[in-house]
Amino acid sequence: MSKSIMSNESCVGSQAAALGVTVSFGEQFQASANFDVVFKEGMALVERTASYLDGKGRQESKGLVQPTTVLYATESMRLTTRLLDLASWLLVRRALKDGDITSEEAKVKRARIKLQGLGRPSHTKGFDDLPEGLQGLVEESFLLHDRIVQLDRAMNLDGQIGGADNVTAINPVAAQMQRLSAAFGSKLS
């Protein structure tokens, strides 16, 4: 991150703090270059996976023995489903960022997205028998999944669009500030 970006972000944060306004992590992250990086990484993983499954993966699956062919089919379907959910989340966030949809529209769209972490490689019997290409993509997809779930939860705490597991949460900092203000009144200024 360049110094100018850092100083601009810290100025925004300092100005908000001076005004007694809570800065939204979700809005800050969504508007940042960091979101664009996560978006590009996610979409690149979707493209690499599609290319692998249509090409080299298809060839590698033909040489597998019977129990592993079923596992290959299962894991490729889980991978595809996981990546579709992650890509949907990224696209909803980008559309909100770009002003293509409202917060309410984003909330409705987000409610349809299930960010489930099913089928972790460490829990899948025979995972090591799968082709390395598929194993790598599955593992990458879970790294992306974990990042997005973490971002989703953090953004949800800001009171942004529906978050992880579709639970509506409030901003804990703002709630605490309200309690302090109620307890101490104008003495906080």
C-alpha atoms as a PDB file:
ATOM      1  CA  MET A   1       0.000   0.000   0.000  1.00  0.00           C
ATOM      2  CA  SER A   2       1.409   3.393  -0.894  1.00  0.00           C
ATOM      3  CA  LYS A   3       2.002   6.099   1.678  1.00  0.00           C
ATOM      4  CA  SER A   4      -0.594   8.366   0.103  1.00  0.00           C
ATOM      5  CA  ILE A   5      -3.258   5.703   0.374  1.00  0.00           C
ATOM      6  CA  MET A   6      -2.314   4.976   3.947  1.00  0.00           C
ATOM      7  CA  SER A   7      -2.322   8.648   4.879  1.00  0.00           C
ATOM      8  CA  ASN A   8      -5.684   9.190   3.170  1.00  0.00           C
ATOM      9  CA  GLU A   9      -7.199   6.209   4.987  1.00  0.00           C
ATOM     10  CA  SER A  10      -5.756   7.322   8.315  1.00  0.00           C
ATOM     11  CA  CYS A  11      -7.049  10.850   7.684  1.00  0.00           C
ATOM     12  CA  VAL A  12     -10.518   9.491   7.053  1.00  0.00           C
ATOM     13  CA  GLY A  13     -10.271   7.420  10.223  1.00  0.00           C
ATOM     14  CA  SER A  14      -8.892  10.367  12.219  1.00  0.00           C
ATOM     15  CA  GLN A  15     -11.580  12.711  10.933  1.00  0.00           C
ATOM     16  CA  ALA A  16     -14.278  10.191  11.776  1.00  0.00           C
ATOM     17  CA  ALA A  17     -12.823   9.663  15.246  1.00  0.00           C
ATOM     18  CA  ALA A  18     -12.683  13.426  15.849  1.00  0.00           C
ATOM     19  CA  LEU A  19     -16.348  13.677  14.883  1.00  0.00           C
ATOM     20  CA  GLY A  20     -17.268  10.717  17.089  1.00  0.00           C
ATOM     21  CA  VAL A  21     -18.341   8.671  14.081  1.00  0.00           C
ATOM     22  CA  THR A  22     -17.659   4.957  13.874  1.00  0.00           C
ATOM     23  CA  VAL A  23     -15.817   4.015  10.675  1.00  0.00           C
ATOM     24  CA  SER A  24     -17.303   1.038   8.849  1.00  0.00           C
ATOM     25  CA  PHE A  25     -14.735  -1.650   8.109  1.00  0.00           C
ATOM     26  CA  GLY A  26     -16.994  -3.056   5.397  1.00  0.00           C
ATOM     27  CA  GLU A  27     -17.359   0.219   3.551  1.00  0.00           C
ATOM     28  CA  GLN A  28     -13.646   0.992   3.900  1.00  0.00           C
ATOM     29  CA  PHE A  29     -12.584  -2.476   2.725  1.00  0.00           C
ATOM     30  CA  GLN A  30     -15.107  -2.631  -0.088  1.00  0.00           C
ATOM     31  CA  ALA A  31     -13.902   0.728  -1.415  1.00  0.00           C
ATOM     32  CA  SER A  32     -10.224  -0.206  -1.126  1.00  0.00           C
ATOM     33  CA  ALA A  33      -7.749  -1.719  -3.532  1.00  0.00           C
ATOM     34  CA  ASN A  34      -7.605  -4.713  -1.171  1.00  0.00           C
ATOM     35  CA  PHE A  35     -11.151  -5.682  -2.164  1.00  0.00           C
ATOM     36  CA  ASP A  36     -10.135  -5.506  -5.812  1.00  0.00           C
ATOM     37  CA  VAL A  37      -7.237  -7.873  -5.086  1.00  0.00           C
ATOM     38  CA  VAL A  38      -9.515 -10.415  -3.387  1.00  0.00           C
ATOM     39  CA  PHE A  39     -12.031 -10.052  -6.238  1.00  0.00           C
ATOM     40  CA  LYS A  40      -9.385 -10.676  -8.904  1.00  0.00           C
ATOM     41  CA  GLU A  41      -7.906 -13.621  -6.998  1.00  0.00           C
ATOM     42  CA  GLY A  42     -11.347 -15.179  -6.587  1.00  0.00           C
ATOM     43  CA  MET A  43     -12.321 -14.805 -10.213  1.00  0.00           C
ATOM     44  CA  ALA A  44      -8.920 -16.069 -11.364  1.00  0.00           C
ATOM     45  CA  LEU A  45      -9.416 -19.181  -9.216  1.00  0.00           C
ATOM     46  CA  VAL A  46     -12.827 -19.740 -10.812  1.00  0.00           C
ATOM     47  CA  GLU A  47     -11.269 -19.491 -14.290  1.00  0.00           C
ATOM     48  CA  ARG A  48      -8.340 -21.782 -13.419  1.00  0.00           C
ATOM     49  CA  THR A  49     -10.721 -24.349 -11.968  1.00  0.00           C
ATOM     50  CA  ALA A  50     -12.980 -24.328 -15.015  1.00  0.00           C
ATOM     51  CA  SER A  51      -9.968 -24.685 -17.286  1.00  0.00           C
ATOM     52  CA  TYR A  52      -8.568 -27.563 -15.222  1.00  0.00           C
ATOM     53  CA  LEU A  53     -11.850 -29.474 -14.979  1.00  0.00           C
ATOM     54  CA  ASP A  54     -12.506 -29.105 -18.724  1.00  0.00           C
ATOM     55  CA  GLY A  55      -8.961 -30.004 -19.729  1.00  0.00           C
ATOM     56  CA  LYS A  56      -6.230 -31.638 -17.709  1.00  0.00           C
ATOM     57  CA  GLY A  57      -8.596 -32.716 -14.930  1.00  0.00           C
ATOM     58  CA  ARG A  58     -10.825 -34.563 -17.358  1.00  0.00           C
ATOM     59  CA  GLN A  59      -7.781 -36.426 -18.708  1.00  0.00           C
ATOM     60  CA  GLU A  60      -6.461 -37.217 -15.221  1.00  0.00           C
ATOM     61  CA  SER A  61      -9.847 -38.508 -14.057  1.00  0.00           C
ATOM     62  CA  LYS A  62      -9.909 -41.137 -16.816  1.00  0.00           C
ATOM     63  CA  GLY A  63      -6.903 -42.885 -15.274  1.00  0.00           C
ATOM     64  CA  LEU A  64      -8.375 -43.206 -11.789  1.00  0.00           C
ATOM     65  CA  VAL A  65      -9.574 -46.462 -10.217  1.00  0.00           C
ATOM     66  CA  GLN A  66     -13.260 -46.942  -9.340  1.00  0.00           C
ATOM     67  CA  PRO A  67     -13.562 -45.661  -5.751  1.00  0.00           C
ATOM     68  CA  THR A  68     -11.413 -42.643  -6.591  1.00  0.00           C
ATOM     69  CA  THR A  69     -13.477 -41.746  -9.676  1.00  0.00           C
ATOM     70  CA  VAL A  70     -16.545 -41.273  -7.461  1.00  0.00           C
ATOM     71  CA  LEU A  71     -14.513 -39.159  -5.054  1.00  0.00           C
ATOM     72  CA  TYR A  72     -13.161 -37.118  -7.992  1.00  0.00           C
ATOM     73  CA  ALA A  73     -16.708 -36.423  -9.202  1.00  0.00           C
ATOM     74  CA  THR A  74     -17.864 -35.544  -5.689  1.00  0.00           C
ATOM     75  CA  GLU A  75     -14.950 -33.224  -4.969  1.00  0.00           C
ATOM     76  CA  SER A  76     -15.181 -31.488  -8.335  1.00  0.00           C
ATOM     77  CA  MET A  77     -18.903 -30.819  -7.723  1.00  0.00           C
ATOM     78  CA  ARG A  78     -18.203 -29.521  -4.207  1.00  0.00           C
ATOM     79  CA  LEU A  79     -15.397 -27.351  -5.566  1.00  0.00           C
ATOM     80  CA  THR A  80     -17.606 -25.924  -8.293  1.00  0.00           C
ATOM     81  CA  THR A  81     -20.440 -25.204  -5.847  1.00  0.00           C
ATOM     82  CA  ARG A  82     -18.069 -23.565  -3.368  1.00  0.00           C
ATOM     83  CA  LEU A  83     -16.542 -21.369  -6.052  1.00  0.00           C
ATOM     84  CA  LEU A  84     -19.961 -20.351  -7.392  1.00  0.00           C
ATOM     85  CA  ASP A  85     -20.961 -19.233  -3.894  1.00  0.00           C
ATOM     86  CA  LEU A  86     -17.703 -17.314  -3.439  1.00  0.00           C
ATOM     87  CA  ALA A  87     -17.962 -15.703  -6.868  1.00  0.00           C
ATOM     88  CA  SER A  88     -21.572 -14.728  -6.105  1.00  0.00           C
ATOM     89  CA  TRP A  89     -20.489 -13.075  -2.863  1.00  0.00           C
ATOM     90  CA  LEU A  90     -17.718 -11.189  -4.663  1.00  0.00           C
ATOM     91  CA  LEU A  91     -20.066 -10.080  -7.451  1.00  0.00           C
ATOM     92  CA  VAL A  92     -22.707  -8.835  -4.992  1.00  0.00           C
ATOM     93  CA  ARG A  93     -20.056  -6.867  -3.112  1.00  0.00           C
ATOM     94  CA  ARG A  94     -18.646  -5.401  -6.331  1.00  0.00           C
ATOM     95  CA  ALA A  95     -22.108  -4.453  -7.586  1.00  0.00           C
ATOM     96  CA  LEU A  96     -22.782  -2.702  -4.274  1.00  0.00           C
ATOM     97  CA  LYS A  97     -19.400  -0.968  -4.444  1.00  0.00           C
ATOM     98  CA  ASP A  98     -20.026   0.194  -8.011  1.00  0.00           C
ATOM     99  CA  GLY A  99     -23.504   1.462  -7.132  1.00  0.00           C
ATOM    100  CA  ASP A 100     -25.196  -1.034  -9.446  1.00  0.00           C
ATOM    101  CA  ILE A 101     -27.432  -2.267  -6.618  1.00  0.00           C
ATOM    102  CA  THR A 102     -28.721  -0.796  -3.376  1.00  0.00           C
ATOM    103  CA  SER A 103     -27.921  -2.090   0.103  1.00  0.00           C
ATOM    104  CA  GLU A 104     -31.392  -3.620   0.288  1.00  0.00           C
ATOM    105  CA  GLU A 105     -30.923  -5.423  -3.044  1.00  0.00           C
ATOM    106  CA  ALA A 106     -27.525  -6.633  -1.860  1.00  0.00           C
ATOM    107  CA  LYS A 107     -29.084  -7.898   1.372  1.00  0.00           C
ATOM    108  CA  VAL A 108     -31.640  -9.965  -0.562  1.00  0.00           C
ATOM    109  CA  LYS A 109     -28.991 -11.347  -2.899  1.00  0.00           C
ATOM    110  CA  ARG A 110     -26.606 -12.114  -0.017  1.00  0.00           C
ATOM    111  CA  ALA A 111     -29.308 -14.038   1.824  1.00  0.00           C
ATOM    112  CA  ARG A 112     -29.332 -16.578  -1.036  1.00  0.00           C
ATOM    113  CA  ILE A 113     -25.597 -17.237  -0.799  1.00  0.00           C
ATOM    114  CA  LYS A 114     -24.497 -20.124   1.431  1.00  0.00           C
ATOM    115  CA  LEU A 115     -20.877 -19.893   2.510  1.00  0.00           C
ATOM    116  CA  GLN A 116     -20.507 -23.468   3.724  1.00  0.00           C
ATOM    117  CA  GLY A 117     -17.163 -25.068   4.430  1.00  0.00           C
ATOM    118  CA  LEU A 118     -18.182 -28.664   3.740  1.00  0.00           C
ATOM    119  CA  GLY A 119     -15.756 -31.329   2.552  1.00  0.00           C
ATOM    120  CA  ARG A 120     -12.496 -30.126   4.072  1.00  0.00           C
ATOM    121  CA  PRO A 121      -9.590 -32.157   2.633  1.00  0.00           C
ATOM    122  CA  SER A 122      -8.492 -33.308   6.085  1.00  0.00           C
ATOM    123  CA  HIS A 123     -11.927 -34.922   6.567  1.00  0.00           C
ATOM    124  CA  THR A 124     -12.170 -36.576   3.165  1.00  0.00           C
ATOM    125  CA  LYS A 125     -11.101 -40.225   3.061  1.00  0.00           C
ATOM    126  CA  GLY A 126      -9.023 -40.869  -0.061  1.00  0.00           C
ATOM    127  CA  PHE A 127      -8.312 -37.185  -0.758  1.00  0.00           C
ATOM    128  CA  ASP A 128      -4.607 -37.969  -1.229  1.00  0.00           C
ATOM    129  CA  ASP A 129      -5.513 -40.364  -4.071  1.00  0.00           C
ATOM    130  CA  LEU A 130      -6.970 -37.532  -6.158  1.00  0.00           C
ATOM    131  CA  PRO A 131      -4.863 -35.836  -8.846  1.00  0.00           C
ATOM    132  CA  GLU A 132      -2.596 -33.103  -7.457  1.00  0.00           C
ATOM    133  CA  GLY A 133      -4.242 -30.499  -9.686  1.00  0.00           C
ATOM    134  CA  LEU A 134      -7.642 -31.081  -8.117  1.00  0.00           C
ATOM    135  CA  GLN A 135      -6.169 -31.255  -4.617  1.00  0.00           C
ATOM    136  CA  GLY A 136      -4.462 -27.892  -5.128  1.00  0.00           C
ATOM    137  CA  LEU A 137      -7.621 -26.222  -6.401  1.00  0.00           C
ATOM    138  CA  VAL A 138      -9.688 -27.601  -3.513  1.00  0.00           C
ATOM    139  CA  GLU A 139      -7.151 -26.335  -0.990  1.00  0.00           C
ATOM    140  CA  GLU A 140      -6.971 -22.906  -2.692  1.00  0.00           C
ATOM    141  CA  SER A 141     -10.749 -22.706  -2.696  1.00  0.00           C
ATOM    142  CA  PHE A 142     -10.842 -23.261   1.063  1.00  0.00           C
ATOM    143  CA  LEU A 143      -8.214 -20.572   1.627  1.00  0.00           C
ATOM    144  CA  LEU A 144     -10.362 -18.143  -0.369  1.00  0.00           C
ATOM    145  CA  HIS A 145     -13.497 -19.405   1.386  1.00  0.00           C
ATOM    146  CA  ASP A 146     -11.985 -18.778   4.810  1.00  0.00           C
ATOM    147  CA  ARG A 147     -10.895 -15.247   3.820  1.00  0.00           C
ATOM    148  CA  ILE A 148     -14.325 -14.394   2.452  1.00  0.00           C
ATOM    149  CA  VAL A 149     -16.148 -15.817   5.481  1.00  0.00           C
ATOM    150  CA  GLN A 150     -13.887 -13.737   7.725  1.00  0.00           C
ATOM    151  CA  LEU A 151     -14.537 -10.609   5.628  1.00  0.00           C
ATOM    152  CA  ASP A 152     -18.254 -11.350   5.539  1.00  0.00           C
ATOM    153  CA  ARG A 153     -18.404 -11.606   9.318  1.00  0.00           C
ATOM    154  CA  ALA A 154     -16.367  -8.419   9.790  1.00  0.00           C
ATOM    155  CA  MET A 155     -18.542  -6.554   7.306  1.00  0.00           C
ATOM    156  CA  ASN A 156     -21.656  -7.918   8.979  1.00  0.00           C
ATOM    157  CA  LEU A 157     -20.509  -6.528  12.327  1.00  0.00           C
ATOM    158  CA  ASP A 158     -20.597  -3.127  10.648  1.00  0.00           C
ATOM    159  CA  GLY A 159     -24.318  -3.635  10.126  1.00  0.00           C
ATOM    160  CA  GLN A 160     -23.709  -4.073   6.419  1.00  0.00           C
ATOM    161  CA  ILE A 161     -25.658  -6.468   4.202  1.00  0.00           C
ATOM    162  CA  GLY A 162     -26.612  -9.876   5.629  1.00  0.00           C
ATOM    163  CA  GLY A 163     -23.519 -11.668   6.828  1.00  0.00           C
ATOM    164  CA  ALA A 164     -22.179 -15.080   7.655  1.00  0.00           C
ATOM    165  CA  ASP A 165     -25.018 -17.517   8.225  1.00  0.00           C
ATOM    166  CA  ASN A 166     -27.465 -14.688   7.439  1.00  0.00           C
ATOM    167  CA  VAL A 167     -27.334 -13.337  10.984  1.00  0.00           C
ATOM    168  CA  THR A 168     -28.012  -9.628  11.285  1.00  0.00           C
ATOM    169  CA  ALA A 169     -25.547  -8.157  13.750  1.00  0.00           C
ATOM    170  CA  ILE A 170     -25.028  -4.629  14.995  1.00  0.00           C
ATOM    171  CA  ASN A 171     -21.782  -2.736  15.132  1.00  0.00           C
ATOM    172  CA  PRO A 172     -20.364  -3.653  18.560  1.00  0.00           C
ATOM    173  CA  VAL A 173     -18.255  -0.480  18.791  1.00  0.00           C
ATOM    174  CA  ALA A 174     -21.218   1.775  18.056  1.00  0.00           C
ATOM    175  CA  ALA A 175     -23.357  -0.171  20.539  1.00  0.00           C
ATOM    176  CA  GLN A 176     -20.698   0.229  23.232  1.00  0.00           C
ATOM    177  CA  MET A 177     -20.362   3.940  22.468  1.00  0.00           C
ATOM    178  CA  GLN A 178     -24.140   4.327  22.847  1.00  0.00           C
ATOM    179  CA  ARG A 179     -24.060   2.555  26.214  1.00  0.00           C
ATOM    180  CA  LEU A 180     -21.183   4.752  27.402  1.00  0.00           C
ATOM    181  CA  SER A 181     -22.946   7.874  26.187  1.00  0.00           C
ATOM    182  CA  ALA A 182     -26.139   6.831  27.968  1.00  0.00           C
ATOM    183  CA  ALA A 183     -24.194   6.164  31.174  1.00  0.00           C
ATOM    184  CA  PHE A 184     -21.989   9.249  31.169  1.00  0.00           C
ATOM    185  CA  GLY A 185     -23.922  11.663  28.976  1.00  0.00           C
ATOM    186  CA  SER A 186     -21.993  14.630  27.598  1.00  0.00           C
ATOM    187  CA  LYS A 187     -18.982  13.929  29.828  1.00  0.00           C
ATOM    188  CA  LEU A 188     -17.502  11.778  27.033  1.00  0.00           C
ATOM    189  CA  SER A 189     -16.775  14.767  24.774  1.00  0.00           C
END
